[in-house]
Amino acid sequence: MNRHLQMHSSLVQRLTLDEVMEGHLGCVNAISWNSTGSLLISGSDDTRVNIWSYSMRELIHSIDTGHSGNIFCTKFVPETRDEMVVSGAGDAEVRLFNLSGSAGKRGEICTMEPSALFQCHSSRVKKLAVEVGNPNIVWSASEDGTLRQHDLGNVLLVLLQRRSSLHLTHVTFSPNGDEFLLSYSVEHAYLMDVNHGGQTISSYSVSDVSKLSPIIDCGNTDLPPQIGSSVQFTGSKRHLRRLDACKRLMLAAAKTLEEGWDVCHGIEMCNEVLHGKGPAVDPSLQHECLCIRKQLYF
C-alpha cells in the first residue's frame, strides 16, 4: 500500500460527512486508528476513552479512565491484538488499560483500573507515540518540556533535558523507529535520533514547509522556483547524504528544463535519482523527479 499522502483543494471539496457517532459527553481531543483500520480510539474532556467499530459505525467500549483531567491523547499499543490502549491527560498522567479485562455489555461505560500508571510528568501530557511492531514502548510528550519513554516491561527513560520555558506539543515516529519528530510551543520542529540519546539531526521552521513539500502538477511546464522533497526518516547518515545528493541533482535537472539546454544531461540526472545506487528515495522525491523527466522528454 502506498501511504504517501497527496493533498489538493479539489480532494478536500469532495469530502462528505459519512457518519456521526455519539458516545462522549465532552470535547473529543484525540482520535486515531488501529493498525488495520478496523477500530478507532478517541479521548475526551469527559475523561473517557472510547473504542469504535469502523465497519459497524458503533461504540464497542467506553472506559472510565479515572483521569482527573481532560484526555488529550490516546493510542492502541501495537502487537497486542488491540487489547492494550494508552491515554495521556491534563492530570499529567499516562495510563495503560487492558481491554480483555473489561466487563459489561457492548458500548456500556466500564470503570477499569489501569494496568500501568505513570506519574512522571509535572504538566499536561499532550501527545503519545508508539513504535510500529513494539508492544513494550510508549512515548509521552508533555507541557513540562520533556519527552519520556515508558518501558512497559522495565524502567522509565527520560530522553530529553527539561526545557521549562517550552511546551512539547507533538511527537511522532519515523516508520523504522530510529527517529522521532518533536515540536515545541515555538515555530521549530526537531528531528531526533533515538539511538544516540536524542541527538538533534535537523531542525525545521515554518519557512521550510514550502521548500520541503511543494505541490507540483505533472502537466504544468512552469516549475516552482525551488525543488525540494518531503523528508523520509530512515535513520542513517548514508541516507541523508543520498537525499542531499538527489536534491542537488533535482535542482540541476530543473535548471536544464528551465533554460532549455543539455536536456539529455537533465534526463540522466533524473535517472540517477530514480535508479542510482544507495538507499531508495522517498515517494515524494520520486514523484517530483518523474514530473521533471517527463517534461524533459517533451
C-alpha atoms as a PDB file:
ATOM      1  CA  MET A   1       0.000   0.000   0.000  1.00  0.00           C
ATOM      2  CA  ASN A   2       1.305   3.446  -0.906  1.00  0.00           C
ATOM      3  CA  ARG A   3       0.958   5.515   2.239  1.00  0.00           C
ATOM      4  CA  HIS A   4       2.273   8.718   0.657  1.00  0.00           C
ATOM      5  CA  LEU A   5      -0.296  11.485   1.076  1.00  0.00           C
ATOM      6  CA  GLN A   6      -1.015  13.987  -1.664  1.00  0.00           C
ATOM      7  CA  MET A   7      -3.374  16.863  -0.972  1.00  0.00           C
ATOM      8  CA  HIS A   8      -5.304  19.082  -3.366  1.00  0.00           C
ATOM      9  CA  SER A   9      -8.145  21.539  -2.831  1.00  0.00           C
ATOM     10  CA  SER A  10     -10.425  19.569  -5.173  1.00  0.00           C
ATOM     11  CA  LEU A  11      -9.992  16.500  -2.945  1.00  0.00           C
ATOM     12  CA  VAL A  12     -10.987  18.470   0.144  1.00  0.00           C
ATOM     13  CA  GLN A  13     -14.063  19.818  -1.639  1.00  0.00           C
ATOM     14  CA  ARG A  14     -15.222  16.274  -2.432  1.00  0.00           C
ATOM     15  CA  LEU A  15     -15.123  15.163   1.203  1.00  0.00           C
ATOM     16  CA  THR A  16     -18.561  14.490   2.674  1.00  0.00           C
ATOM     17  CA  LEU A  17     -19.839  13.562   6.122  1.00  0.00           C
ATOM     18  CA  ASP A  18     -20.124   9.783   6.367  1.00  0.00           C
ATOM     19  CA  GLU A  19     -21.430   9.213   9.896  1.00  0.00           C
ATOM     20  CA  VAL A  20     -21.842  10.893  13.284  1.00  0.00           C
ATOM     21  CA  MET A  21     -21.030   8.544  16.163  1.00  0.00           C
ATOM     22  CA  GLU A  22     -22.117   9.698  19.601  1.00  0.00           C
ATOM     23  CA  GLY A  23     -20.669   8.451  22.861  1.00  0.00           C
ATOM     24  CA  HIS A  24     -18.746  11.269  24.547  1.00  0.00           C
ATOM     25  CA  LEU A  25     -20.074  13.955  26.885  1.00  0.00           C
ATOM     26  CA  GLY A  26     -17.308  16.480  26.243  1.00  0.00           C
ATOM     27  CA  CYS A  27     -14.984  17.748  23.542  1.00  0.00           C
ATOM     28  CA  VAL A  28     -13.156  14.990  21.663  1.00  0.00           C
ATOM     29  CA  ASN A  29      -9.470  15.921  21.773  1.00  0.00           C
ATOM     30  CA  ALA A  30      -7.852  12.839  20.237  1.00  0.00           C
ATOM     31  CA  ILE A  31      -8.715  10.130  17.757  1.00  0.00           C
ATOM     32  CA  SER A  32      -6.601   7.511  15.979  1.00  0.00           C
ATOM     33  CA  TRP A  33      -6.861   4.212  14.095  1.00  0.00           C
ATOM     34  CA  ASN A  34      -5.652   0.771  14.989  1.00  0.00           C
ATOM     35  CA  SER A  35      -3.090  -0.821  12.674  1.00  0.00           C
ATOM     36  CA  THR A  36      -5.687  -2.448  10.387  1.00  0.00           C
ATOM     37  CA  GLY A  37      -8.118   0.447  10.149  1.00  0.00           C
ATOM     38  CA  SER A  38     -10.956  -1.559  11.692  1.00  0.00           C
ATOM     39  CA  LEU A  39     -11.134   0.326  15.008  1.00  0.00           C
ATOM     40  CA  LEU A  40     -10.969   3.910  16.209  1.00  0.00           C
ATOM     41  CA  ILE A  41      -9.930   5.105  19.650  1.00  0.00           C
ATOM     42  CA  SER A  42     -10.952   8.514  20.997  1.00  0.00           C
ATOM     43  CA  GLY A  43     -10.271  10.557  24.126  1.00  0.00           C
ATOM     44  CA  SER A  44     -12.386  13.367  25.510  1.00  0.00           C
ATOM     45  CA  ASP A  45     -12.837  16.027  28.168  1.00  0.00           C
ATOM     46  CA  ASP A  46     -15.260  13.587  29.829  1.00  0.00           C
ATOM     47  CA  THR A  47     -12.129  11.560  30.835  1.00  0.00           C
ATOM     48  CA  ARG A  48     -13.367   8.542  28.894  1.00  0.00           C
ATOM     49  CA  VAL A  49     -11.585   6.510  26.243  1.00  0.00           C
ATOM     50  CA  ASN A  50     -13.954   5.095  23.636  1.00  0.00           C
ATOM     51  CA  ILE A  51     -13.294   2.272  21.172  1.00  0.00           C
ATOM     52  CA  TRP A  52     -15.374   2.327  17.984  1.00  0.00           C
ATOM     53  CA  SER A  53     -16.017  -0.229  15.257  1.00  0.00           C
ATOM     54  CA  TYR A  54     -15.494   1.441  11.886  1.00  0.00           C
ATOM     55  CA  SER A  55     -17.412  -1.149   9.857  1.00  0.00           C
ATOM     56  CA  MET A  56     -20.402  -1.170  12.227  1.00  0.00           C
ATOM     57  CA  ARG A  57     -20.166   2.571  12.988  1.00  0.00           C
ATOM     58  CA  GLU A  58     -20.838   1.880  16.656  1.00  0.00           C
ATOM     59  CA  LEU A  59     -19.310   2.148  20.123  1.00  0.00           C
ATOM     60  CA  ILE A  60     -17.700  -1.054  21.411  1.00  0.00           C
ATOM     61  CA  HIS A  61     -16.037   0.011  24.680  1.00  0.00           C
ATOM     62  CA  SER A  62     -16.310   3.124  26.820  1.00  0.00           C
ATOM     63  CA  ILE A  63     -13.670   3.244  29.551  1.00  0.00           C
ATOM     64  CA  ASP A  64     -13.996   5.496  32.576  1.00  0.00           C
ATOM     65  CA  THR A  65     -10.239   6.002  32.881  1.00  0.00           C
ATOM     66  CA  GLY A  66     -10.005   7.617  36.293  1.00  0.00           C
ATOM     67  CA  HIS A  67      -8.066  10.578  34.900  1.00  0.00           C
ATOM     68  CA  SER A  68      -8.765  13.790  36.795  1.00  0.00           C
ATOM     69  CA  GLY A  69      -8.058  15.984  33.767  1.00  0.00           C
ATOM     70  CA  ASN A  70      -9.100  16.185  30.135  1.00  0.00           C
ATOM     71  CA  ILE A  71      -7.723  13.398  27.940  1.00  0.00           C
ATOM     72  CA  PHE A  72      -5.559  14.859  25.168  1.00  0.00           C
ATOM     73  CA  CYS A  73      -4.101  11.736  23.546  1.00  0.00           C
ATOM     74  CA  THR A  74      -4.913   8.050  23.076  1.00  0.00           C
ATOM     75  CA  LYS A  75      -3.268   5.181  21.196  1.00  0.00           C
ATOM     76  CA  PHE A  76      -3.592   1.470  20.567  1.00  0.00           C
ATOM     77  CA  VAL A  77      -0.451  -0.367  21.712  1.00  0.00           C
ATOM     78  CA  PRO A  78       0.965  -2.310  18.714  1.00  0.00           C
ATOM     79  CA  GLU A  79       1.058  -6.111  18.574  1.00  0.00           C
ATOM     80  CA  THR A  80      -1.460  -6.582  21.410  1.00  0.00           C
ATOM     81  CA  ARG A  81      -4.466  -7.592  19.251  1.00  0.00           C
ATOM     82  CA  ASP A  82      -5.884  -4.136  20.044  1.00  0.00           C
ATOM     83  CA  GLU A  83      -6.408  -5.182  23.660  1.00  0.00           C
ATOM     84  CA  MET A  84      -3.969  -2.664  25.172  1.00  0.00           C
ATOM     85  CA  VAL A  85      -4.652   1.066  24.940  1.00  0.00           C
ATOM     86  CA  VAL A  86      -2.894   4.049  26.479  1.00  0.00           C
ATOM     87  CA  SER A  87      -4.076   7.540  27.392  1.00  0.00           C
ATOM     88  CA  GLY A  88      -2.456  10.829  28.418  1.00  0.00           C
ATOM     89  CA  ALA A  89      -4.274  13.663  30.136  1.00  0.00           C
ATOM     90  CA  GLY A  90      -4.282  17.065  31.754  1.00  0.00           C
ATOM     91  CA  ASP A  91      -3.572  15.492  35.147  1.00  0.00           C
ATOM     92  CA  ALA A  92       0.000  14.789  33.881  1.00  0.00           C
ATOM     93  CA  GLU A  93      -0.612  11.028  33.981  1.00  0.00           C
ATOM     94  CA  VAL A  94      -0.166   8.284  31.397  1.00  0.00           C
ATOM     95  CA  ARG A  95      -2.470   5.285  31.917  1.00  0.00           C
ATOM     96  CA  LEU A  96      -2.406   1.860  30.272  1.00  0.00           C
ATOM     97  CA  PHE A  97      -5.553  -0.292  30.025  1.00  0.00           C
ATOM     98  CA  ASN A  98      -6.147  -3.927  29.077  1.00  0.00           C
ATOM     99  CA  LEU A  99      -9.466  -4.243  27.259  1.00  0.00           C
ATOM    100  CA  SER A 100      -9.532  -8.020  27.684  1.00  0.00           C
ATOM    101  CA  GLY A 101     -10.421  -7.413  31.325  1.00  0.00           C
ATOM    102  CA  SER A 102     -13.411  -5.206  30.558  1.00  0.00           C
ATOM    103  CA  ALA A 103     -16.818  -6.296  31.775  1.00  0.00           C
ATOM    104  CA  GLY A 104     -20.335  -5.235  30.896  1.00  0.00           C
ATOM    105  CA  LYS A 105     -22.360  -5.076  27.740  1.00  0.00           C
ATOM    106  CA  ARG A 106     -21.109  -3.763  24.427  1.00  0.00           C
ATOM    107  CA  GLY A 107     -20.952   0.031  24.448  1.00  0.00           C
ATOM    108  CA  GLU A 108     -21.647   0.423  28.181  1.00  0.00           C
ATOM    109  CA  ILE A 109     -19.395   2.606  30.334  1.00  0.00           C
ATOM    110  CA  CYS A 110     -16.876   0.451  32.159  1.00  0.00           C
ATOM    111  CA  THR A 111     -14.720   1.583  35.076  1.00  0.00           C
ATOM    112  CA  MET A 112     -11.303  -0.056  34.833  1.00  0.00           C
ATOM    113  CA  GLU A 113      -8.178   0.016  36.933  1.00  0.00           C
ATOM    114  CA  PRO A 114      -5.150   0.821  34.779  1.00  0.00           C
ATOM    115  CA  SER A 115      -2.670  -1.970  34.094  1.00  0.00           C
ATOM    116  CA  ALA A 116       0.073   0.625  34.496  1.00  0.00           C
ATOM    117  CA  LEU A 117       0.104   4.183  35.798  1.00  0.00           C
ATOM    118  CA  PHE A 118       2.927   6.627  35.032  1.00  0.00           C
ATOM    119  CA  GLN A 119       3.099   9.834  37.064  1.00  0.00           C
ATOM    120  CA  CYS A 120       6.403  11.122  35.746  1.00  0.00           C
ATOM    121  CA  HIS A 121       5.337  14.412  34.186  1.00  0.00           C
ATOM    122  CA  SER A 122       4.729  17.648  36.051  1.00  0.00           C
ATOM    123  CA  SER A 123       2.367  19.194  33.494  1.00  0.00           C
ATOM    124  CA  ARG A 124      -0.258  18.175  30.951  1.00  0.00           C
ATOM    125  CA  VAL A 125       0.508  15.229  28.664  1.00  0.00           C
ATOM    126  CA  LYS A 126      -0.337  16.401  25.142  1.00  0.00           C
ATOM    127  CA  LYS A 127       0.870  13.630  22.796  1.00  0.00           C
ATOM    128  CA  LEU A 128       1.599   9.906  22.829  1.00  0.00           C
ATOM    129  CA  ALA A 129       3.593   7.887  20.303  1.00  0.00           C
ATOM    130  CA  VAL A 130       4.127   4.158  19.828  1.00  0.00           C
ATOM    131  CA  GLU A 131       6.650   2.231  17.746  1.00  0.00           C
ATOM    132  CA  VAL A 132       5.289   0.011  14.984  1.00  0.00           C
ATOM    133  CA  GLY A 133       5.751  -3.636  15.961  1.00  0.00           C
ATOM    134  CA  ASN A 134       6.879  -2.849  19.522  1.00  0.00           C
ATOM    135  CA  PRO A 135       4.317  -3.589  22.275  1.00  0.00           C
ATOM    136  CA  ASN A 136       6.685  -2.626  25.105  1.00  0.00           C
ATOM    137  CA  ILE A 137       7.389   1.059  24.499  1.00  0.00           C
ATOM    138  CA  VAL A 138       5.172   4.139  24.793  1.00  0.00           C
ATOM    139  CA  TRP A 139       6.437   7.712  24.490  1.00  0.00           C
ATOM    140  CA  SER A 140       4.752  10.743  26.033  1.00  0.00           C
ATOM    141  CA  ALA A 141       5.285  14.446  25.329  1.00  0.00           C
ATOM    142  CA  SER A 142       4.287  16.992  27.937  1.00  0.00           C
ATOM    143  CA  GLU A 143       3.966  20.704  28.505  1.00  0.00           C
ATOM    144  CA  ASP A 144       6.710  20.320  31.133  1.00  0.00           C
ATOM    145  CA  GLY A 145       9.119  20.240  28.173  1.00  0.00           C
ATOM    146  CA  THR A 146      10.133  16.583  28.425  1.00  0.00           C
ATOM    147  CA  LEU A 147       9.666  13.563  26.209  1.00  0.00           C
ATOM    148  CA  ARG A 148       9.611  10.338  28.216  1.00  0.00           C
ATOM    149  CA  GLN A 149       9.988   6.739  27.136  1.00  0.00           C
ATOM    150  CA  HIS A 150       7.878   4.303  29.152  1.00  0.00           C
ATOM    151  CA  ASP A 151       9.133   0.724  29.003  1.00  0.00           C
ATOM    152  CA  LEU A 152       6.071  -1.333  29.880  1.00  0.00           C
ATOM    153  CA  GLY A 153       8.268  -4.233  30.926  1.00  0.00           C
ATOM    154  CA  ASN A 154      11.075  -2.353  32.626  1.00  0.00           C
ATOM    155  CA  VAL A 155      12.068   1.197  33.571  1.00  0.00           C
ATOM    156  CA  LEU A 156      11.385   4.762  32.545  1.00  0.00           C
ATOM    157  CA  LEU A 157      13.838   6.678  30.369  1.00  0.00           C
ATOM    158  CA  VAL A 158      13.842  10.475  30.337  1.00  0.00           C
ATOM    159  CA  LEU A 159      15.210  11.178  26.898  1.00  0.00           C
ATOM    160  CA  LEU A 160      15.423  14.945  26.955  1.00  0.00           C
ATOM    161  CA  GLN A 161      16.525  17.510  29.478  1.00  0.00           C
ATOM    162  CA  ARG A 162      13.657  19.635  30.699  1.00  0.00           C
ATOM    163  CA  ARG A 163      13.094  22.901  28.894  1.00  0.00           C
ATOM    164  CA  SER A 164      10.786  24.625  31.324  1.00  0.00           C
ATOM    165  CA  SER A 165      10.061  27.588  29.046  1.00  0.00           C
ATOM    166  CA  LEU A 166       8.851  25.386  26.173  1.00  0.00           C
ATOM    167  CA  HIS A 167       5.843  23.087  25.956  1.00  0.00           C
ATOM    168  CA  LEU A 168       6.056  19.900  23.912  1.00  0.00           C
ATOM    169  CA  THR A 169       3.050  19.852  21.613  1.00  0.00           C
ATOM    170  CA  HIS A 170       3.624  16.859  19.321  1.00  0.00           C
ATOM    171  CA  VAL A 171       5.740  13.739  18.851  1.00  0.00           C
ATOM    172  CA  THR A 172       5.675  11.186  16.049  1.00  0.00           C
ATOM    173  CA  PHE A 173       7.953   8.342  14.971  1.00  0.00           C
ATOM    174  CA  SER A 174       9.559   7.504  11.665  1.00  0.00           C
ATOM    175  CA  PRO A 175       8.363   4.195  10.156  1.00  0.00           C
ATOM    176  CA  ASN A 176      11.505   2.337  11.262  1.00  0.00           C
ATOM    177  CA  GLY A 177      11.513   3.790  14.784  1.00  0.00           C
ATOM    178  CA  ASP A 178      15.028   5.244  14.515  1.00  0.00           C
ATOM    179  CA  GLU A 179      13.977   8.899  14.607  1.00  0.00           C
ATOM    180  CA  PHE A 180      11.183  10.955  16.033  1.00  0.00           C
ATOM    181  CA  LEU A 181       9.938  14.424  15.230  1.00  0.00           C
ATOM    182  CA  LEU A 182       9.218  16.857  18.072  1.00  0.00           C
ATOM    183  CA  SER A 183       7.505  20.214  18.083  1.00  0.00           C
ATOM    184  CA  TYR A 184       7.558  22.693  20.943  1.00  0.00           C
ATOM    185  CA  SER A 185       5.490  25.814  21.560  1.00  0.00           C
ATOM    186  CA  VAL A 186       7.699  27.669  19.079  1.00  0.00           C
ATOM    187  CA  GLU A 187       7.852  27.660  15.293  1.00  0.00           C
ATOM    188  CA  HIS A 188      10.544  24.967  15.035  1.00  0.00           C
ATOM    189  CA  ALA A 189      10.259  21.179  14.779  1.00  0.00           C
ATOM    190  CA  TYR A 190      13.196  18.922  15.676  1.00  0.00           C
ATOM    191  CA  LEU A 191      14.218  15.617  14.125  1.00  0.00           C
ATOM    192  CA  MET A 192      15.898  13.492  16.828  1.00  0.00           C
ATOM    193  CA  ASP A 193      17.952  10.291  16.730  1.00  0.00           C
ATOM    194  CA  VAL A 194      16.636   7.632  19.137  1.00  0.00           C
ATOM    195  CA  ASN A 195      19.855   5.619  19.083  1.00  0.00           C
ATOM    196  CA  HIS A 196      22.104   8.470  20.187  1.00  0.00           C
ATOM    197  CA  GLY A 197      20.362   9.798  23.271  1.00  0.00           C
ATOM    198  CA  GLY A 198      18.060  12.194  21.482  1.00  0.00           C
ATOM    199  CA  GLN A 199      20.755  13.948  19.456  1.00  0.00           C
ATOM    200  CA  THR A 200      19.263  16.546  17.114  1.00  0.00           C
ATOM    201  CA  ILE A 201      19.693  15.617  13.437  1.00  0.00           C
ATOM    202  CA  SER A 202      17.851  18.575  11.909  1.00  0.00           C
ATOM    203  CA  SER A 203      15.516  21.395  12.816  1.00  0.00           C
ATOM    204  CA  TYR A 204      12.796  22.862  10.616  1.00  0.00           C
ATOM    205  CA  SER A 205      10.833  26.099  10.724  1.00  0.00           C
ATOM    206  CA  VAL A 206       7.667  27.315   9.024  1.00  0.00           C
ATOM    207  CA  SER A 207       9.708  28.740   6.150  1.00  0.00           C
ATOM    208  CA  ASP A 208      10.962  25.232   5.301  1.00  0.00           C
ATOM    209  CA  VAL A 209       7.488  23.846   4.577  1.00  0.00           C
ATOM    210  CA  SER A 210       7.207  25.213   1.049  1.00  0.00           C
ATOM    211  CA  LYS A 211      10.748  24.068   0.276  1.00  0.00           C
ATOM    212  CA  LEU A 212      10.288  20.529   1.551  1.00  0.00           C
ATOM    213  CA  SER A 213       6.805  19.734   0.232  1.00  0.00           C
ATOM    214  CA  PRO A 214       5.883  21.669  -2.912  1.00  0.00           C
ATOM    215  CA  ILE A 215       2.743  20.800  -4.880  1.00  0.00           C
ATOM    216  CA  ILE A 216       3.732  20.014  -8.471  1.00  0.00           C
ATOM    217  CA  ASP A 217       1.313  19.484 -11.348  1.00  0.00           C
ATOM    218  CA  CYS A 218       2.841  16.971 -13.782  1.00  0.00           C
ATOM    219  CA  GLY A 219       1.014  18.611 -16.642  1.00  0.00           C
ATOM    220  CA  ASN A 220       2.356  22.070 -15.839  1.00  0.00           C
ATOM    221  CA  THR A 221       5.596  23.150 -17.507  1.00  0.00           C
ATOM    222  CA  ASP A 222       6.090  26.077 -15.123  1.00  0.00           C
ATOM    223  CA  LEU A 223       8.240  24.750 -12.312  1.00  0.00           C
ATOM    224  CA  PRO A 224       8.265  26.380  -8.881  1.00  0.00           C
ATOM    225  CA  PRO A 225      11.442  28.350  -8.120  1.00  0.00           C
ATOM    226  CA  GLN A 226      12.723  25.695  -5.734  1.00  0.00           C
ATOM    227  CA  ILE A 227      12.543  21.911  -5.926  1.00  0.00           C
ATOM    228  CA  GLY A 228      12.589  20.025  -2.657  1.00  0.00           C
ATOM    229  CA  SER A 229      11.341  16.808  -1.193  1.00  0.00           C
ATOM    230  CA  SER A 230       9.445  15.534   1.775  1.00  0.00           C
ATOM    231  CA  VAL A 231      11.850  14.197   4.373  1.00  0.00           C
ATOM    232  CA  GLN A 232      11.936  10.424   4.732  1.00  0.00           C
ATOM    233  CA  PHE A 233      13.256   9.354   8.118  1.00  0.00           C
ATOM    234  CA  THR A 234      15.487   6.374   7.500  1.00  0.00           C
ATOM    235  CA  GLY A 235      17.900   6.578  10.386  1.00  0.00           C
ATOM    236  CA  SER A 236      21.273   6.609   8.645  1.00  0.00           C
ATOM    237  CA  LYS A 237      23.759   9.319   7.736  1.00  0.00           C
ATOM    238  CA  ARG A 238      24.246   7.461   4.481  1.00  0.00           C
ATOM    239  CA  HIS A 239      20.635   8.065   3.537  1.00  0.00           C
ATOM    240  CA  LEU A 240      20.840  11.742   4.484  1.00  0.00           C
ATOM    241  CA  ARG A 241      23.860  12.122   2.195  1.00  0.00           C
ATOM    242  CA  ARG A 242      21.974  10.317  -0.575  1.00  0.00           C
ATOM    243  CA  LEU A 243      18.944  12.562  -0.063  1.00  0.00           C
ATOM    244  CA  ASP A 244      21.103  15.690  -0.218  1.00  0.00           C
ATOM    245  CA  ALA A 245      22.801  14.491  -3.417  1.00  0.00           C
ATOM    246  CA  CYS A 246      19.426  13.700  -5.001  1.00  0.00           C
ATOM    247  CA  LYS A 247      18.092  17.149  -4.196  1.00  0.00           C
ATOM    248  CA  ARG A 248      21.128  18.747  -5.847  1.00  0.00           C
ATOM    249  CA  LEU A 249      20.599  16.588  -8.939  1.00  0.00           C
ATOM    250  CA  MET A 250      16.934  17.598  -8.992  1.00  0.00           C
ATOM    251  CA  LEU A 251      17.825  21.288  -8.861  1.00  0.00           C
ATOM    252  CA  ALA A 252      20.302  20.851 -11.704  1.00  0.00           C
ATOM    253  CA  ALA A 253      17.778  18.893 -13.796  1.00  0.00           C
ATOM    254  CA  ALA A 254      15.138  21.558 -13.197  1.00  0.00           C
ATOM    255  CA  LYS A 255      17.624  24.201 -14.331  1.00  0.00           C
ATOM    256  CA  THR A 256      18.254  22.395 -17.628  1.00  0.00           C
ATOM    257  CA  LEU A 257      14.497  22.282 -18.187  1.00  0.00           C
ATOM    258  CA  GLU A 258      14.110  25.960 -17.361  1.00  0.00           C
ATOM    259  CA  GLU A 259      16.942  27.069 -19.644  1.00  0.00           C
ATOM    260  CA  GLY A 260      16.242  24.524 -22.387  1.00  0.00           C
ATOM    261  CA  TRP A 261      19.824  23.324 -22.813  1.00  0.00           C
ATOM    262  CA  ASP A 262      21.576  19.958 -22.333  1.00  0.00           C
ATOM    263  CA  VAL A 263      18.249  18.165 -21.928  1.00  0.00           C
ATOM    264  CA  CYS A 264      19.875  14.727 -22.210  1.00  0.00           C
ATOM    265  CA  HIS A 265      22.065  15.508 -19.226  1.00  0.00           C
ATOM    266  CA  GLY A 266      18.969  16.551 -17.283  1.00  0.00           C
ATOM    267  CA  ILE A 267      17.320  13.204 -18.075  1.00  0.00           C
ATOM    268  CA  GLU A 268      20.463  11.377 -16.927  1.00  0.00           C
ATOM    269  CA  MET A 269      20.392  13.269 -13.628  1.00  0.00           C
ATOM    270  CA  CYS A 270      16.755  12.279 -13.101  1.00  0.00           C
ATOM    271  CA  ASN A 271      17.637   8.650 -13.857  1.00  0.00           C
ATOM    272  CA  GLU A 272      20.407   8.811 -11.268  1.00  0.00           C
ATOM    273  CA  VAL A 273      17.896   9.974  -8.651  1.00  0.00           C
ATOM    274  CA  LEU A 274      15.416   7.231  -9.563  1.00  0.00           C
ATOM    275  CA  HIS A 275      17.783   4.325 -10.174  1.00  0.00           C
ATOM    276  CA  GLY A 276      21.121   5.274  -8.596  1.00  0.00           C
ATOM    277  CA  LYS A 277      22.933   3.178  -6.023  1.00  0.00           C
ATOM    278  CA  GLY A 278      22.206   3.638  -2.337  1.00  0.00           C
ATOM    279  CA  PRO A 279      19.052   3.839  -0.198  1.00  0.00           C
ATOM    280  CA  ALA A 280      15.802   4.334  -2.073  1.00  0.00           C
ATOM    281  CA  VAL A 281      14.459   7.871  -2.167  1.00  0.00           C
ATOM    282  CA  ASP A 282      11.051   8.666  -0.728  1.00  0.00           C
ATOM    283  CA  PRO A 283       7.875   8.682  -2.873  1.00  0.00           C
ATOM    284  CA  SER A 284       7.582  12.480  -2.888  1.00  0.00           C
ATOM    285  CA  LEU A 285      11.038  12.906  -4.403  1.00  0.00           C
ATOM    286  CA  GLN A 286      10.343  10.148  -6.925  1.00  0.00           C
ATOM    287  CA  HIS A 287       7.130  11.907  -7.964  1.00  0.00           C
ATOM    288  CA  GLU A 288       8.880  15.240  -8.476  1.00  0.00           C
ATOM    289  CA  CYS A 289      11.683  13.588 -10.415  1.00  0.00           C
ATOM    290  CA  LEU A 290       9.279  11.750 -12.718  1.00  0.00           C
ATOM    291  CA  CYS A 291       7.454  15.016 -13.420  1.00  0.00           C
ATOM    292  CA  ILE A 292      10.676  16.788 -14.395  1.00  0.00           C
ATOM    293  CA  ARG A 293      11.888  13.872 -16.519  1.00  0.00           C
ATOM    294  CA  LYS A 294       8.553  13.727 -18.349  1.00  0.00           C
ATOM    295  CA  GLN A 295       8.809  17.410 -19.232  1.00  0.00           C
ATOM    296  CA  LEU A 296      12.422  16.993 -20.335  1.00  0.00           C
ATOM    297  CA  TYR A 297      11.369  14.268 -22.790  1.00  0.00           C
ATOM    298  CA  PHE A 298       8.804  16.570 -24.370  1.00  0.00           C
END
